[in-house]
Structure formats: structure tokens, C-alpha cells
Amino acid sequence: MAAVTLSVSTVKPLGDRILIKVSEAEEKTAGGILLPDTAKEKPQVGEVVQVGPGKRNDDGSYQAMEVKVGDKVLYSKYAGTDIKLGTDDYVLLRESDVLAALG
């Protein structure tokens, strides 16, 4: 079986899916206590790096996506599929799992 090497530029989400680069988890608490890897929570903030064409309507046209590449977003905690490309962590999820765009 041949090994497949993927990069962000080769991954193209389909439909209303979005590929998000996950932000780093907090390493310290507000009080300055360092957190071990086992105590860190999964981040819910990331940057959109790829978007699909959008959801297909009944007439065959696509509904425009509300987020675009470069947007910082807040997404549901347990949403999507976690992907590791190189040394970076990504999550592939539906547009409906995005809770807010951060300004």
C-alpha cells in the first residue's frame, strides 16, 4: 500500500464543510499555574484555512458560505473530525458547527 502525504493545499472540503487550523491550547491558568498535557482542554477557536463550495439547494445552486479563508471562528467542542497534517492540528467540520466569527 502506498503512503499518501497530505498538505493543507491538497485537502479540499466538500459541500458545506470547513477546514480549521486549531489554535494552541492554554499552557497556563489565569493564576499562572502551568498545565500538563493531560489537563489541557481541547481548544474551540481556530482559523479557517479551506472552505467547501457550500450547501447545495434543491434547484442545484450552491448556498454561499458565511465564513471565508482567514476568519477566526469559535466552534462546538465535540464537532468535526480531528486531522493532523504535518505538525499542525486541524478539524474538519460542517458550517453549522461554527458558533461565531471572532473579530
N, C-alpha and C. Protein backbone atom coordinates (compact mmCIF):
# COMPACT_ATOMS: atom_id res chain seq x y z
N MET A 1 0.84 -1.18 0.00
CA MET A 1 0.00 0.00 0.00
C MET A 1 0.89 1.24 0.00
N ALA A 2 0.59 2.19 -0.85
CA ALA A 2 1.39 3.41 -0.97
C ALA A 2 1.01 4.41 0.10
N ALA A 3 2.00 5.11 0.61
CA ALA A 3 1.75 6.15 1.61
C ALA A 3 1.31 7.43 0.91
N VAL A 4 0.35 8.10 1.49
CA VAL A 4 -0.16 9.35 0.93
C VAL A 4 0.25 10.49 1.84
N THR A 5 0.89 11.50 1.27
CA THR A 5 1.27 12.67 2.03
C THR A 5 0.29 13.78 1.71
N LEU A 6 -0.37 14.29 2.75
CA LEU A 6 -1.35 15.35 2.57
C LEU A 6 -0.81 16.66 3.11
N SER A 7 -1.21 17.73 2.48
CA SER A 7 -0.92 19.06 2.99
C SER A 7 -2.21 19.86 2.93
N VAL A 8 -2.20 21.03 3.52
CA VAL A 8 -3.40 21.86 3.55
C VAL A 8 -3.87 22.19 2.14
N SER A 9 -2.94 22.41 1.23
CA SER A 9 -3.32 22.79 -0.13
C SER A 9 -3.94 21.63 -0.91
N THR A 10 -3.72 20.39 -0.49
CA THR A 10 -4.29 19.25 -1.20
C THR A 10 -5.63 18.80 -0.62
N VAL A 11 -6.01 19.33 0.53
CA VAL A 11 -7.28 18.97 1.16
C VAL A 11 -8.32 20.01 0.76
N LYS A 12 -9.38 19.58 0.07
CA LYS A 12 -10.45 20.49 -0.35
C LYS A 12 -11.76 19.99 0.24
N PRO A 13 -12.32 20.71 1.22
CA PRO A 13 -13.60 20.29 1.82
C PRO A 13 -14.73 20.26 0.79
N LEU A 14 -15.65 19.34 0.97
CA LEU A 14 -16.80 19.21 0.07
C LEU A 14 -18.04 19.77 0.74
N GLY A 15 -18.99 20.19 -0.06
CA GLY A 15 -20.27 20.68 0.46
C GLY A 15 -20.10 21.87 1.38
N ASP A 16 -20.75 21.81 2.54
CA ASP A 16 -20.70 22.92 3.49
C ASP A 16 -19.68 22.66 4.60
N ARG A 17 -18.60 21.99 4.27
CA ARG A 17 -17.56 21.69 5.26
C ARG A 17 -16.45 22.73 5.23
N ILE A 18 -15.79 22.86 6.40
CA ILE A 18 -14.75 23.86 6.59
C ILE A 18 -13.55 23.18 7.24
N LEU A 19 -12.33 23.50 6.79
CA LEU A 19 -11.10 23.02 7.42
C LEU A 19 -10.54 24.15 8.27
N ILE A 20 -10.37 23.88 9.57
CA ILE A 20 -9.93 24.90 10.51
C ILE A 20 -8.61 24.48 11.15
N LYS A 21 -7.64 25.40 11.19
CA LYS A 21 -6.39 25.16 11.93
C LYS A 21 -6.67 25.50 13.39
N VAL A 22 -6.47 24.53 14.26
CA VAL A 22 -6.78 24.67 15.68
C VAL A 22 -5.74 25.55 16.35
N SER A 23 -6.21 26.49 17.18
CA SER A 23 -5.31 27.33 17.96
C SER A 23 -4.68 26.50 19.07
N GLU A 24 -3.53 26.94 19.54
CA GLU A 24 -2.83 26.23 20.61
C GLU A 24 -3.63 26.27 21.90
N ALA A 25 -3.57 25.20 22.67
CA ALA A 25 -4.25 25.13 23.97
C ALA A 25 -3.50 26.00 24.97
N GLU A 26 -4.25 26.51 25.94
CA GLU A 26 -3.65 27.32 27.00
C GLU A 26 -2.67 26.47 27.81
N GLU A 27 -1.49 27.01 28.08
CA GLU A 27 -0.50 26.28 28.85
C GLU A 27 -0.47 26.70 30.31
N LYS A 28 -1.11 27.85 30.62
CA LYS A 28 -1.15 28.35 31.99
C LYS A 28 -2.57 28.76 32.33
N THR A 29 -2.89 28.65 33.60
CA THR A 29 -4.18 29.15 34.08
C THR A 29 -4.06 30.65 34.29
N ALA A 30 -5.18 31.29 34.59
CA ALA A 30 -5.16 32.73 34.85
C ALA A 30 -4.29 33.06 36.06
N GLY A 31 -4.18 32.12 37.00
CA GLY A 31 -3.36 32.33 38.19
C GLY A 31 -1.89 32.03 37.99
N GLY A 32 -1.50 31.57 36.79
CA GLY A 32 -0.10 31.32 36.49
C GLY A 32 0.34 29.89 36.70
N ILE A 33 -0.57 28.96 36.95
CA ILE A 33 -0.22 27.56 37.14
C ILE A 33 -0.03 26.90 35.78
N LEU A 34 1.10 26.22 35.57
CA LEU A 34 1.35 25.51 34.33
C LEU A 34 0.52 24.23 34.28
N LEU A 35 -0.11 23.98 33.13
CA LEU A 35 -0.97 22.81 32.97
C LEU A 35 -0.21 21.70 32.24
N PRO A 36 -0.28 20.45 32.73
CA PRO A 36 0.30 19.33 31.99
C PRO A 36 -0.57 19.02 30.78
N ASP A 37 -0.03 18.29 29.81
CA ASP A 37 -0.77 17.95 28.60
C ASP A 37 -2.09 17.24 28.88
N THR A 38 -2.12 16.43 29.93
CA THR A 38 -3.33 15.68 30.24
C THR A 38 -4.45 16.54 30.79
N ALA A 39 -4.13 17.73 31.30
CA ALA A 39 -5.14 18.61 31.89
C ALA A 39 -5.63 19.68 30.94
N LYS A 40 -5.00 19.81 29.78
CA LYS A 40 -5.39 20.85 28.82
C LYS A 40 -6.71 20.49 28.16
N GLU A 41 -7.56 21.49 27.99
CA GLU A 41 -8.83 21.27 27.29
C GLU A 41 -8.63 21.45 25.80
N LYS A 42 -9.45 20.77 25.02
CA LYS A 42 -9.40 20.90 23.58
C LYS A 42 -9.83 22.32 23.21
N PRO A 43 -9.02 23.04 22.43
CA PRO A 43 -9.40 24.41 22.04
C PRO A 43 -10.65 24.42 21.16
N GLN A 44 -11.40 25.51 21.23
CA GLN A 44 -12.59 25.65 20.41
C GLN A 44 -12.46 26.83 19.45
N VAL A 45 -11.27 27.37 19.32
CA VAL A 45 -11.03 28.52 18.46
C VAL A 45 -10.00 28.13 17.41
N GLY A 46 -10.20 28.61 16.19
CA GLY A 46 -9.26 28.31 15.13
C GLY A 46 -9.42 29.26 13.97
N GLU A 47 -8.54 29.09 12.98
CA GLU A 47 -8.56 29.92 11.78
C GLU A 47 -8.97 29.08 10.59
N VAL A 48 -9.90 29.59 9.80
CA VAL A 48 -10.39 28.88 8.60
C VAL A 48 -9.28 28.90 7.55
N VAL A 49 -8.90 27.70 7.07
CA VAL A 49 -7.86 27.61 6.04
C VAL A 49 -8.40 27.12 4.70
N GLN A 50 -9.53 26.42 4.69
CA GLN A 50 -10.17 25.98 3.45
C GLN A 50 -11.67 25.93 3.67
N VAL A 51 -12.45 26.25 2.65
CA VAL A 51 -13.91 26.13 2.71
C VAL A 51 -14.41 25.40 1.48
N GLY A 52 -15.49 24.66 1.65
CA GLY A 52 -16.13 23.99 0.52
C GLY A 52 -16.98 24.97 -0.27
N PRO A 53 -17.61 24.50 -1.34
CA PRO A 53 -18.42 25.38 -2.18
C PRO A 53 -19.72 25.83 -1.53
N GLY A 54 -20.19 25.14 -0.50
CA GLY A 54 -21.44 25.49 0.17
C GLY A 54 -22.45 24.38 0.03
N LYS A 55 -23.56 24.54 0.72
CA LYS A 55 -24.63 23.55 0.69
C LYS A 55 -25.39 23.68 -0.63
N ARG A 56 -25.72 22.53 -1.23
CA ARG A 56 -26.45 22.54 -2.50
C ARG A 56 -27.94 22.70 -2.23
N ASN A 57 -28.57 23.64 -2.90
CA ASN A 57 -30.00 23.88 -2.79
C ASN A 57 -30.77 22.89 -3.66
N ASP A 58 -32.09 22.86 -3.52
CA ASP A 58 -32.94 21.94 -4.28
C ASP A 58 -32.84 22.19 -5.79
N ASP A 59 -32.59 23.44 -6.19
CA ASP A 59 -32.51 23.75 -7.62
C ASP A 59 -31.12 23.50 -8.19
N GLY A 60 -30.19 22.99 -7.38
CA GLY A 60 -28.84 22.66 -7.86
C GLY A 60 -27.80 23.74 -7.63
N SER A 61 -28.24 24.93 -7.24
CA SER A 61 -27.29 26.01 -6.97
C SER A 61 -26.69 25.83 -5.57
N TYR A 62 -25.60 26.54 -5.32
CA TYR A 62 -24.95 26.46 -4.01
C TYR A 62 -25.32 27.66 -3.16
N GLN A 63 -25.55 27.41 -1.87
CA GLN A 63 -25.77 28.48 -0.89
C GLN A 63 -24.40 28.98 -0.46
N ALA A 64 -24.20 30.28 -0.50
CA ALA A 64 -22.90 30.86 -0.16
C ALA A 64 -22.52 30.57 1.29
N MET A 65 -21.24 30.35 1.52
CA MET A 65 -20.74 30.11 2.88
C MET A 65 -20.65 31.44 3.62
N GLU A 66 -20.93 31.42 4.92
CA GLU A 66 -20.87 32.65 5.72
C GLU A 66 -19.47 32.98 6.20
N VAL A 67 -18.57 31.99 6.21
CA VAL A 67 -17.18 32.23 6.63
C VAL A 67 -16.28 32.11 5.41
N LYS A 68 -15.12 32.73 5.51
CA LYS A 68 -14.17 32.66 4.40
C LYS A 68 -12.78 32.36 4.95
N VAL A 69 -11.87 32.03 4.09
CA VAL A 69 -10.50 31.72 4.49
C VAL A 69 -9.90 32.92 5.22
N GLY A 70 -9.27 32.64 6.36
CA GLY A 70 -8.65 33.69 7.16
C GLY A 70 -9.48 34.12 8.36
N ASP A 71 -10.77 33.77 8.39
CA ASP A 71 -11.62 34.14 9.53
C ASP A 71 -11.23 33.34 10.76
N LYS A 72 -11.27 33.97 11.93
CA LYS A 72 -11.11 33.28 13.21
C LYS A 72 -12.51 32.93 13.68
N VAL A 73 -12.71 31.67 14.07
CA VAL A 73 -14.03 31.21 14.45
C VAL A 73 -14.02 30.44 15.76
N LEU A 74 -15.18 30.40 16.40
CA LEU A 74 -15.43 29.61 17.59
C LEU A 74 -16.36 28.48 17.16
N TYR A 75 -15.98 27.23 17.46
CA TYR A 75 -16.79 26.10 17.01
C TYR A 75 -17.15 25.19 18.18
N SER A 76 -18.12 24.31 17.98
CA SER A 76 -18.59 23.40 19.01
C SER A 76 -17.46 22.51 19.50
N LYS A 77 -17.49 22.20 20.79
CA LYS A 77 -16.39 21.48 21.43
C LYS A 77 -16.14 20.10 20.85
N TYR A 78 -17.18 19.34 20.59
CA TYR A 78 -17.01 17.96 20.11
C TYR A 78 -17.40 17.80 18.65
N ALA A 79 -17.36 18.87 17.89
CA ALA A 79 -17.77 18.84 16.49
C ALA A 79 -16.61 18.42 15.59
N GLY A 80 -16.95 17.85 14.46
CA GLY A 80 -15.99 17.61 13.40
C GLY A 80 -15.06 16.42 13.61
N THR A 81 -14.11 16.33 12.67
CA THR A 81 -13.13 15.26 12.65
C THR A 81 -11.75 15.87 12.81
N ASP A 82 -11.00 15.40 13.80
CA ASP A 82 -9.65 15.90 14.03
C ASP A 82 -8.70 15.31 13.01
N ILE A 83 -7.84 16.15 12.44
CA ILE A 83 -6.87 15.75 11.42
C ILE A 83 -5.52 16.33 11.79
N LYS A 84 -4.45 15.56 11.60
CA LYS A 84 -3.10 16.06 11.83
C LYS A 84 -2.39 16.07 10.48
N LEU A 85 -2.01 17.25 10.01
CA LEU A 85 -1.26 17.41 8.76
C LEU A 85 0.09 17.99 9.11
N GLY A 86 1.14 17.20 8.94
CA GLY A 86 2.46 17.63 9.36
C GLY A 86 2.50 17.70 10.87
N THR A 87 2.87 18.85 11.41
CA THR A 87 2.92 19.01 12.86
C THR A 87 1.72 19.80 13.39
N ASP A 88 0.85 20.26 12.51
CA ASP A 88 -0.29 21.08 12.92
C ASP A 88 -1.57 20.26 13.04
N ASP A 89 -2.44 20.70 13.96
CA ASP A 89 -3.74 20.06 14.16
C ASP A 89 -4.82 20.85 13.45
N TYR A 90 -5.73 20.13 12.80
CA TYR A 90 -6.85 20.73 12.08
C TYR A 90 -8.12 20.00 12.48
N VAL A 91 -9.24 20.64 12.22
CA VAL A 91 -10.54 20.00 12.43
C VAL A 91 -11.38 20.29 11.18
N LEU A 92 -12.04 19.24 10.67
CA LEU A 92 -12.91 19.36 9.50
C LEU A 92 -14.33 19.25 10.01
N LEU A 93 -15.13 20.31 9.81
CA LEU A 93 -16.49 20.31 10.34
C LEU A 93 -17.45 21.01 9.40
N ARG A 94 -18.73 20.84 9.68
CA ARG A 94 -19.77 21.49 8.89
C ARG A 94 -19.91 22.95 9.31
N GLU A 95 -20.39 23.77 8.40
CA GLU A 95 -20.58 25.19 8.69
C GLU A 95 -21.54 25.38 9.86
N SER A 96 -22.51 24.50 10.02
CA SER A 96 -23.49 24.63 11.10
C SER A 96 -22.85 24.43 12.48
N ASP A 97 -21.65 23.82 12.55
CA ASP A 97 -20.95 23.63 13.82
C ASP A 97 -20.16 24.86 14.24
N VAL A 98 -20.06 25.86 13.36
CA VAL A 98 -19.39 27.11 13.72
C VAL A 98 -20.38 27.96 14.51
N LEU A 99 -19.97 28.35 15.70
CA LEU A 99 -20.86 29.13 16.57
C LEU A 99 -20.77 30.62 16.34
N ALA A 100 -19.55 31.13 16.06
CA ALA A 100 -19.38 32.57 15.91
C ALA A 100 -18.10 32.86 15.15
N ALA A 101 -18.09 33.98 14.43
CA ALA A 101 -16.88 34.52 13.83
C ALA A 101 -16.32 35.55 14.80
N LEU A 102 -15.03 35.47 15.06
CA LEU A 102 -14.39 36.38 16.03
C LEU A 102 -13.75 37.53 15.29
N GLY A 103 -13.93 38.74 15.82
CA GLY A 103 -13.42 39.93 15.16
C GLY A 103 -12.13 40.40 15.60
